[in-house]
Amino acid sequence: MSANTRKQLNIRSDEAYATAHRLAERLGTTTTEVVVRALREFNSKRRIPSRLVTPEEAEANLSRLMESIGRREQEEAGPLLSDHEDLYDEFGLPK
């Protein structure tokens, strides 16, 4: 899209209109800038309302999260310092 071509977005909501105008006045900017900032912030959030996520996406997200937690726990635990070999005799019985 070139600088001279502008797309238009029409939102037919009294609440959205009033909220955007109040925020624009408080921030000293335009309603367009308020809407753009809000959309950017919403888009940048990692969390998406559950009603907007399919069950498949939720399962994939959960799998990634569990893998990440497992890796983090493993990194925090570090290497094993002992295999407890010193506590058992050659037959595997406690010393």
Protein backbone atom coordinates (compact mmCIF):
# COMPACT_ATOMS: atom_id res chain seq x y z
CA MET A 1 0.00 0.00 0.00
CA SER A 2 1.52 3.32 -1.03
CA ALA A 3 1.53 6.41 1.18
CA ASN A 4 -1.15 8.00 -0.99
CA THR A 5 -3.54 5.07 -0.76
CA ARG A 6 -5.34 4.82 2.55
CA LYS A 7 -7.64 2.04 3.61
CA GLN A 8 -10.64 2.88 5.71
CA LEU A 9 -12.05 1.01 8.68
CA ASN A 10 -15.61 1.73 9.76
CA ILE A 11 -16.69 0.68 13.24
CA ARG A 12 -20.33 1.11 14.02
CA SER A 13 -20.31 1.22 17.80
CA ASP A 14 -21.28 4.14 20.00
CA GLU A 15 -19.18 2.71 22.82
CA ALA A 16 -16.07 2.34 20.63
CA TYR A 17 -16.52 5.85 19.28
CA ALA A 18 -16.95 7.42 22.74
CA THR A 19 -14.06 5.46 24.25
CA ALA A 20 -11.68 6.28 21.40
CA HIS A 21 -12.56 9.98 21.62
CA ARG A 22 -12.13 10.10 25.41
CA LEU A 23 -8.76 8.39 25.16
CA ALA A 24 -7.64 10.64 22.31
CA GLU A 25 -8.47 13.71 24.38
CA ARG A 26 -6.64 12.35 27.43
CA LEU A 27 -3.58 11.39 25.38
CA GLY A 28 -3.61 14.48 23.19
CA THR A 29 -3.73 12.48 19.98
CA THR A 30 -6.20 11.41 17.31
CA THR A 31 -8.81 8.70 17.55
CA THR A 32 -7.04 6.91 14.69
CA GLU A 33 -3.81 6.81 16.71
CA VAL A 34 -5.68 5.51 19.77
CA VAL A 35 -7.22 2.70 17.73
CA VAL A 36 -3.90 1.84 16.04
CA ARG A 37 -2.11 1.74 19.42
CA ALA A 38 -4.82 -0.45 20.91
CA LEU A 39 -4.70 -2.86 17.99
CA ARG A 40 -0.90 -3.05 18.11
CA GLU A 41 -0.97 -3.74 21.84
CA PHE A 42 -3.65 -6.41 21.46
CA ASN A 43 -1.69 -8.00 18.61
CA SER A 44 1.55 -8.03 20.61
CA LYS A 45 0.05 -9.83 23.58
CA ARG A 46 0.97 -13.49 23.81
CA ARG A 47 -2.32 -14.33 25.44
CA ILE A 48 -5.35 -14.75 23.26
CA PRO A 49 -8.81 -15.07 24.80
CA SER A 50 -9.67 -18.76 24.92
CA ARG A 51 -12.84 -18.25 22.93
CA LEU A 52 -10.64 -17.23 19.97
CA VAL A 53 -8.38 -20.32 20.10
CA THR A 54 -9.25 -23.61 18.46
CA PRO A 55 -8.83 -26.82 20.50
CA GLU A 56 -5.93 -27.79 18.22
CA GLU A 57 -4.16 -24.47 18.86
CA ALA A 58 -4.76 -24.84 22.60
CA GLU A 59 -3.26 -28.36 22.56
CA ALA A 60 -0.22 -27.15 20.61
CA ASN A 61 0.25 -24.23 23.00
CA LEU A 62 0.04 -26.55 26.00
CA SER A 63 2.58 -28.95 24.47
CA ARG A 64 5.04 -26.09 23.83
CA LEU A 65 4.54 -24.80 27.36
CA MET A 66 5.13 -28.22 28.92
CA GLU A 67 8.29 -28.72 26.84
CA SER A 68 9.54 -25.30 27.87
CA ILE A 69 8.87 -26.00 31.56
CA GLY A 70 10.65 -29.36 31.29
CA ARG A 71 13.72 -27.76 29.69
CA ARG A 72 13.80 -24.99 32.29
CA GLU A 73 13.54 -27.46 35.19
CA GLN A 74 16.30 -29.58 33.69
CA GLU A 75 18.56 -26.54 33.26
CA GLU A 76 17.90 -25.37 36.81
CA ALA A 77 18.57 -28.83 38.27
CA GLY A 78 21.94 -29.06 36.56
CA PRO A 79 23.96 -32.23 36.33
CA LEU A 80 23.55 -34.97 38.91
CA LEU A 81 26.28 -34.65 41.50
CA SER A 82 26.08 -38.28 42.64
CA ASP A 83 24.60 -41.51 41.42
CA HIS A 84 24.53 -42.66 45.09
CA GLU A 85 26.91 -45.48 44.24
CA ASP A 86 28.74 -44.81 47.49
CA LEU A 87 25.63 -45.78 49.50
CA TYR A 88 25.38 -49.34 48.11
CA ASP A 89 27.67 -52.37 48.03
CA GLU A 90 28.57 -54.43 44.96
CA PHE A 91 25.30 -56.40 45.33
CA GLY A 92 23.14 -53.25 45.38
CA LEU A 93 22.41 -53.51 49.07
CA PRO A 94 22.70 -50.52 51.40
CA LYS A 95 26.07 -50.27 53.15
